[in-house]
Amino acid sequence: MSKADPEDEEPWPDPDPIEVPINGELDLHNFHPREAKDLVYHYLVECAERGIETARIIHGKGSGQLKAKVLSTLDKHPLVLGYRQAGSGGGNWGATLVDLRTTHESQDAQKE
């Protein structure tokens, strides 16, 4: 008998939604890695709409797979101006700081 592949198992039922405060800091420890891409994308949109110019995404140190998924999402996000590893007081390589173009800036640029 071979060991079952966890990917082949029945998925966990969707838990009740978690309300995430839009305050510029997103901690991914409370979420399943498969949720990261959409969560990060939409979270940054919400930050930009609220005028938050810098967001901190806490992905943890772990194996680096979640961080890679986050960085891939940031590379493709239209509101991301740039990003960098958080410093020693912000989580080091377990967190990423993201510079955002607020939607107000985007709207102003479109009017010009």
N, C-alpha and C. Protein backbone atom coordinates (compact mmCIF):
# COMPACT_ATOMS: atom_id res chain seq x y z
N MET A 1 0.85 -1.18 0.00
CA MET A 1 0.00 0.00 0.00
C MET A 1 0.89 1.24 0.00
N SER A 2 0.65 2.12 -0.93
CA SER A 2 1.47 3.34 -1.02
C SER A 2 0.84 4.45 -0.20
N LYS A 3 1.69 5.38 0.15
CA LYS A 3 1.25 6.54 0.92
C LYS A 3 0.41 7.44 0.02
N ALA A 4 -0.69 7.93 0.52
CA ALA A 4 -1.57 8.80 -0.27
C ALA A 4 -0.94 10.18 -0.43
N ASP A 5 -1.10 10.71 -1.61
CA ASP A 5 -0.62 12.06 -1.88
C ASP A 5 -1.62 13.05 -1.28
N PRO A 6 -1.15 14.00 -0.45
CA PRO A 6 -2.07 14.96 0.17
C PRO A 6 -2.87 15.77 -0.85
N GLU A 7 -2.32 15.96 -2.04
CA GLU A 7 -3.04 16.71 -3.08
C GLU A 7 -4.26 15.95 -3.58
N ASP A 8 -4.24 14.60 -3.44
CA ASP A 8 -5.36 13.79 -3.92
C ASP A 8 -6.48 13.67 -2.91
N GLU A 9 -6.23 14.09 -1.69
CA GLU A 9 -7.23 13.96 -0.65
C GLU A 9 -8.36 14.95 -0.87
N GLU A 10 -9.48 14.64 -0.27
CA GLU A 10 -10.65 15.50 -0.30
C GLU A 10 -10.27 16.86 0.31
N PRO A 11 -10.58 17.98 -0.34
CA PRO A 11 -10.22 19.28 0.22
C PRO A 11 -10.99 19.56 1.50
N TRP A 12 -10.37 20.37 2.34
CA TRP A 12 -11.03 20.78 3.57
C TRP A 12 -12.23 21.63 3.21
N PRO A 13 -13.29 21.53 3.98
CA PRO A 13 -14.43 22.41 3.70
C PRO A 13 -14.02 23.86 3.93
N ASP A 14 -14.61 24.76 3.17
CA ASP A 14 -14.29 26.17 3.34
C ASP A 14 -14.71 26.62 4.72
N PRO A 15 -13.78 27.21 5.46
CA PRO A 15 -14.13 27.71 6.78
C PRO A 15 -14.94 28.99 6.65
N ASP A 16 -15.46 29.45 7.77
CA ASP A 16 -16.15 30.73 7.76
C ASP A 16 -15.18 31.81 7.32
N PRO A 17 -15.67 32.81 6.61
CA PRO A 17 -14.78 33.88 6.14
C PRO A 17 -14.10 34.57 7.32
N ILE A 18 -12.87 34.98 7.10
CA ILE A 18 -12.11 35.72 8.09
C ILE A 18 -12.10 37.17 7.66
N GLU A 19 -12.51 38.05 8.57
CA GLU A 19 -12.49 39.47 8.26
C GLU A 19 -11.07 39.99 8.46
N VAL A 20 -10.55 40.61 7.44
CA VAL A 20 -9.18 41.11 7.48
C VAL A 20 -9.23 42.63 7.56
N PRO A 21 -8.67 43.21 8.62
CA PRO A 21 -8.65 44.67 8.67
C PRO A 21 -7.71 45.23 7.60
N ILE A 22 -8.15 46.29 6.95
CA ILE A 22 -7.33 46.92 5.92
C ILE A 22 -6.56 48.05 6.58
N ASN A 23 -5.40 47.70 7.13
CA ASN A 23 -4.60 48.67 7.88
C ASN A 23 -3.16 48.74 7.38
N GLY A 24 -2.88 48.08 6.26
CA GLY A 24 -1.53 48.10 5.70
C GLY A 24 -0.66 46.95 6.14
N GLU A 25 -1.19 46.03 6.94
CA GLU A 25 -0.42 44.86 7.37
C GLU A 25 -1.26 43.60 7.19
N LEU A 26 -0.77 42.70 6.36
CA LEU A 26 -1.46 41.44 6.08
C LEU A 26 -0.58 40.29 6.56
N ASP A 27 -1.08 39.54 7.54
CA ASP A 27 -0.37 38.39 8.07
C ASP A 27 -0.98 37.13 7.45
N LEU A 28 -0.20 36.44 6.63
CA LEU A 28 -0.70 35.27 5.92
C LEU A 28 -0.68 33.99 6.75
N HIS A 29 -0.20 34.05 7.99
CA HIS A 29 -0.15 32.86 8.83
C HIS A 29 -1.53 32.25 9.08
N ASN A 30 -2.57 33.05 9.02
CA ASN A 30 -3.92 32.58 9.31
C ASN A 30 -4.64 32.00 8.09
N PHE A 31 -3.96 31.92 6.97
CA PHE A 31 -4.60 31.50 5.73
C PHE A 31 -3.89 30.31 5.11
N HIS A 32 -4.63 29.57 4.30
CA HIS A 32 -4.05 28.44 3.57
C HIS A 32 -3.23 29.02 2.41
N PRO A 33 -2.07 28.44 2.12
CA PRO A 33 -1.23 28.97 1.03
C PRO A 33 -1.95 29.11 -0.31
N ARG A 34 -2.93 28.28 -0.58
CA ARG A 34 -3.62 28.38 -1.87
C ARG A 34 -4.45 29.67 -1.96
N GLU A 35 -4.71 30.31 -0.83
CA GLU A 35 -5.47 31.55 -0.81
C GLU A 35 -4.59 32.78 -1.02
N ALA A 36 -3.29 32.62 -0.94
CA ALA A 36 -2.37 33.76 -0.90
C ALA A 36 -2.46 34.67 -2.11
N LYS A 37 -2.46 34.11 -3.30
CA LYS A 37 -2.43 34.93 -4.51
C LYS A 37 -3.61 35.90 -4.57
N ASP A 38 -4.82 35.38 -4.46
CA ASP A 38 -6.01 36.23 -4.54
C ASP A 38 -6.10 37.18 -3.35
N LEU A 39 -5.76 36.67 -2.17
CA LEU A 39 -5.83 37.48 -0.97
C LEU A 39 -4.89 38.68 -1.05
N VAL A 40 -3.64 38.44 -1.42
CA VAL A 40 -2.67 39.52 -1.54
C VAL A 40 -3.11 40.52 -2.60
N TYR A 41 -3.54 40.03 -3.74
CA TYR A 41 -3.97 40.91 -4.83
C TYR A 41 -5.08 41.85 -4.36
N HIS A 42 -6.14 41.28 -3.81
CA HIS A 42 -7.30 42.07 -3.41
C HIS A 42 -7.01 42.95 -2.19
N TYR A 43 -6.18 42.46 -1.29
CA TYR A 43 -5.81 43.25 -0.13
C TYR A 43 -5.10 44.54 -0.57
N LEU A 44 -4.19 44.42 -1.52
CA LEU A 44 -3.46 45.59 -1.99
C LEU A 44 -4.37 46.58 -2.71
N VAL A 45 -5.36 46.08 -3.42
CA VAL A 45 -6.35 46.96 -4.06
C VAL A 45 -7.08 47.76 -2.99
N GLU A 46 -7.50 47.07 -1.93
CA GLU A 46 -8.22 47.74 -0.84
C GLU A 46 -7.33 48.77 -0.15
N CYS A 47 -6.06 48.44 0.06
CA CYS A 47 -5.12 49.40 0.66
C CYS A 47 -5.01 50.64 -0.22
N ALA A 48 -4.83 50.44 -1.51
CA ALA A 48 -4.68 51.56 -2.45
C ALA A 48 -5.92 52.44 -2.45
N GLU A 49 -7.09 51.82 -2.39
CA GLU A 49 -8.34 52.60 -2.38
C GLU A 49 -8.46 53.44 -1.12
N ARG A 50 -7.81 53.02 -0.05
CA ARG A 50 -7.86 53.76 1.22
C ARG A 50 -6.69 54.73 1.36
N GLY A 51 -5.86 54.83 0.34
CA GLY A 51 -4.75 55.76 0.37
C GLY A 51 -3.52 55.25 1.11
N ILE A 52 -3.47 53.96 1.41
CA ILE A 52 -2.31 53.38 2.08
C ILE A 52 -1.21 53.19 1.03
N GLU A 53 -0.08 53.84 1.25
CA GLU A 53 0.99 53.83 0.26
C GLU A 53 2.02 52.74 0.46
N THR A 54 2.13 52.21 1.68
CA THR A 54 3.07 51.12 1.95
C THR A 54 2.35 50.05 2.76
N ALA A 55 2.42 48.82 2.28
CA ALA A 55 1.81 47.69 2.98
C ALA A 55 2.92 46.71 3.38
N ARG A 56 2.67 46.00 4.45
CA ARG A 56 3.60 44.97 4.92
C ARG A 56 2.89 43.63 4.83
N ILE A 57 3.48 42.71 4.10
CA ILE A 57 2.92 41.37 3.96
C ILE A 57 3.82 40.41 4.72
N ILE A 58 3.24 39.75 5.72
CA ILE A 58 3.98 38.80 6.53
C ILE A 58 3.70 37.41 5.98
N HIS A 59 4.71 36.80 5.39
CA HIS A 59 4.57 35.48 4.79
C HIS A 59 5.34 34.43 5.56
N GLY A 60 6.15 34.84 6.50
CA GLY A 60 6.94 33.90 7.29
C GLY A 60 8.20 33.48 6.54
N LYS A 61 9.05 32.79 7.27
CA LYS A 61 10.34 32.38 6.70
C LYS A 61 10.24 31.00 6.07
N GLY A 62 9.73 30.03 6.74
CA GLY A 62 9.45 28.69 6.22
C GLY A 62 10.36 28.21 5.10
N SER A 63 9.76 27.54 4.13
CA SER A 63 10.51 26.96 3.01
C SER A 63 10.76 27.97 1.90
N GLY A 64 10.07 29.09 1.93
CA GLY A 64 10.22 30.10 0.90
C GLY A 64 9.19 30.01 -0.21
N GLN A 65 8.35 28.96 -0.20
CA GLN A 65 7.36 28.80 -1.27
C GLN A 65 6.28 29.87 -1.20
N LEU A 66 5.82 30.18 0.01
CA LEU A 66 4.79 31.21 0.15
C LEU A 66 5.35 32.57 -0.23
N LYS A 67 6.57 32.85 0.19
CA LYS A 67 7.20 34.12 -0.18
C LYS A 67 7.30 34.22 -1.71
N ALA A 68 7.70 33.15 -2.36
CA ALA A 68 7.81 33.15 -3.83
C ALA A 68 6.46 33.44 -4.47
N LYS A 69 5.40 32.87 -3.92
CA LYS A 69 4.06 33.10 -4.45
C LYS A 69 3.66 34.56 -4.26
N VAL A 70 3.98 35.12 -3.10
CA VAL A 70 3.68 36.53 -2.83
C VAL A 70 4.44 37.42 -3.80
N LEU A 71 5.74 37.18 -3.97
CA LEU A 71 6.55 38.03 -4.85
C LEU A 71 6.08 37.93 -6.30
N SER A 72 5.67 36.75 -6.71
CA SER A 72 5.14 36.57 -8.07
C SER A 72 3.87 37.41 -8.26
N THR A 73 3.04 37.43 -7.25
CA THR A 73 1.81 38.24 -7.30
C THR A 73 2.15 39.72 -7.37
N LEU A 74 3.13 40.14 -6.58
CA LEU A 74 3.54 41.54 -6.57
C LEU A 74 4.11 41.97 -7.92
N ASP A 75 4.87 41.08 -8.55
CA ASP A 75 5.46 41.38 -9.86
C ASP A 75 4.40 41.71 -10.92
N LYS A 76 3.22 41.12 -10.78
CA LYS A 76 2.17 41.28 -11.78
C LYS A 76 1.10 42.29 -11.40
N HIS A 77 1.15 42.81 -10.17
CA HIS A 77 0.09 43.68 -9.67
C HIS A 77 0.22 45.08 -10.25
N PRO A 78 -0.84 45.62 -10.85
CA PRO A 78 -0.75 46.94 -11.49
C PRO A 78 -0.57 48.11 -10.52
N LEU A 79 -0.87 47.93 -9.25
CA LEU A 79 -0.74 49.02 -8.28
C LEU A 79 0.58 48.99 -7.51
N VAL A 80 1.41 47.99 -7.75
CA VAL A 80 2.68 47.87 -7.02
C VAL A 80 3.76 48.67 -7.74
N LEU A 81 4.31 49.64 -7.01
CA LEU A 81 5.41 50.44 -7.55
C LEU A 81 6.74 49.73 -7.34
N GLY A 82 6.85 48.99 -6.23
CA GLY A 82 8.06 48.26 -5.90
C GLY A 82 7.87 47.55 -4.57
N TYR A 83 8.84 46.70 -4.23
CA TYR A 83 8.78 46.00 -2.95
C TYR A 83 10.19 45.65 -2.51
N ARG A 84 10.31 45.38 -1.22
CA ARG A 84 11.60 45.06 -0.64
C ARG A 84 11.40 44.23 0.62
N GLN A 85 12.44 43.55 0.99
CA GLN A 85 12.43 42.76 2.23
C GLN A 85 12.31 43.73 3.41
N ALA A 86 11.51 43.35 4.40
CA ALA A 86 11.37 44.18 5.60
C ALA A 86 12.69 44.18 6.36
N GLY A 87 12.97 45.24 7.05
CA GLY A 87 14.20 45.35 7.82
C GLY A 87 14.16 44.55 9.10
N SER A 88 15.18 44.72 9.92
CA SER A 88 15.31 43.92 11.14
C SER A 88 14.15 44.15 12.12
N GLY A 89 13.55 45.32 12.12
CA GLY A 89 12.42 45.56 13.00
C GLY A 89 11.08 45.18 12.39
N GLY A 90 11.08 44.78 11.11
CA GLY A 90 9.82 44.50 10.43
C GLY A 90 9.64 43.07 9.99
N GLY A 91 10.51 42.17 10.44
CA GLY A 91 10.34 40.78 10.09
C GLY A 91 11.42 40.19 9.20
N ASN A 92 12.42 41.02 8.83
CA ASN A 92 13.49 40.55 7.95
C ASN A 92 12.94 39.83 6.74
N TRP A 93 13.48 38.66 6.41
CA TRP A 93 13.06 37.95 5.20
C TRP A 93 11.75 37.19 5.39
N GLY A 94 11.09 37.38 6.53
CA GLY A 94 9.76 36.79 6.75
C GLY A 94 8.63 37.75 6.41
N ALA A 95 8.98 38.94 5.92
CA ALA A 95 7.97 39.93 5.55
C ALA A 95 8.48 40.77 4.39
N THR A 96 7.54 41.28 3.62
CA THR A 96 7.87 42.11 2.47
C THR A 96 7.11 43.42 2.56
N LEU A 97 7.81 44.53 2.35
CA LEU A 97 7.19 45.85 2.30
C LEU A 97 6.88 46.17 0.85
N VAL A 98 5.68 46.68 0.63
CA VAL A 98 5.20 46.94 -0.73
C VAL A 98 4.83 48.41 -0.86
N ASP A 99 5.40 49.07 -1.86
CA ASP A 99 5.06 50.46 -2.17
C ASP A 99 3.94 50.44 -3.21
N LEU A 100 2.86 51.16 -2.90
CA LEU A 100 1.67 51.13 -3.74
C LEU A 100 1.39 52.47 -4.40
N ARG A 101 0.83 52.37 -5.57
CA ARG A 101 0.24 53.52 -6.24
C ARG A 101 -1.20 53.53 -5.74
N THR A 102 -1.58 54.59 -5.05
CA THR A 102 -2.95 54.63 -4.57
C THR A 102 -3.89 54.83 -5.74
N THR A 103 -5.12 54.42 -5.59
CA THR A 103 -6.06 54.57 -6.70
C THR A 103 -6.32 56.03 -6.98
N HIS A 104 -6.13 56.90 -5.98
CA HIS A 104 -6.26 58.34 -6.22
C HIS A 104 -5.19 58.80 -7.19
N GLU A 105 -3.95 58.32 -7.02
CA GLU A 105 -2.86 58.65 -7.94
C GLU A 105 -3.16 58.13 -9.33
N SER A 106 -3.69 56.89 -9.40
CA SER A 106 -4.01 56.28 -10.70
C SER A 106 -5.07 57.10 -11.43
N GLN A 107 -6.07 57.55 -10.69
CA GLN A 107 -7.14 58.33 -11.30
C GLN A 107 -6.61 59.68 -11.76
N ASP A 108 -5.72 60.30 -10.96
CA ASP A 108 -5.13 61.58 -11.35
C ASP A 108 -4.29 61.44 -12.61
N ALA A 109 -3.53 60.35 -12.71
CA ALA A 109 -2.68 60.11 -13.88
C ALA A 109 -3.53 59.90 -15.12
N GLN A 110 -4.69 59.25 -14.98
CA GLN A 110 -5.55 59.00 -16.13
C GLN A 110 -6.17 60.29 -16.64
N LYS A 111 -6.39 61.27 -15.74
CA LYS A 111 -7.01 62.53 -16.14
C LYS A 111 -6.04 63.40 -16.92
N GLU A 112 -4.73 63.23 -16.72
CA GLU A 112 -3.74 64.08 -17.38
C GLU A 112 -3.54 63.73 -18.83
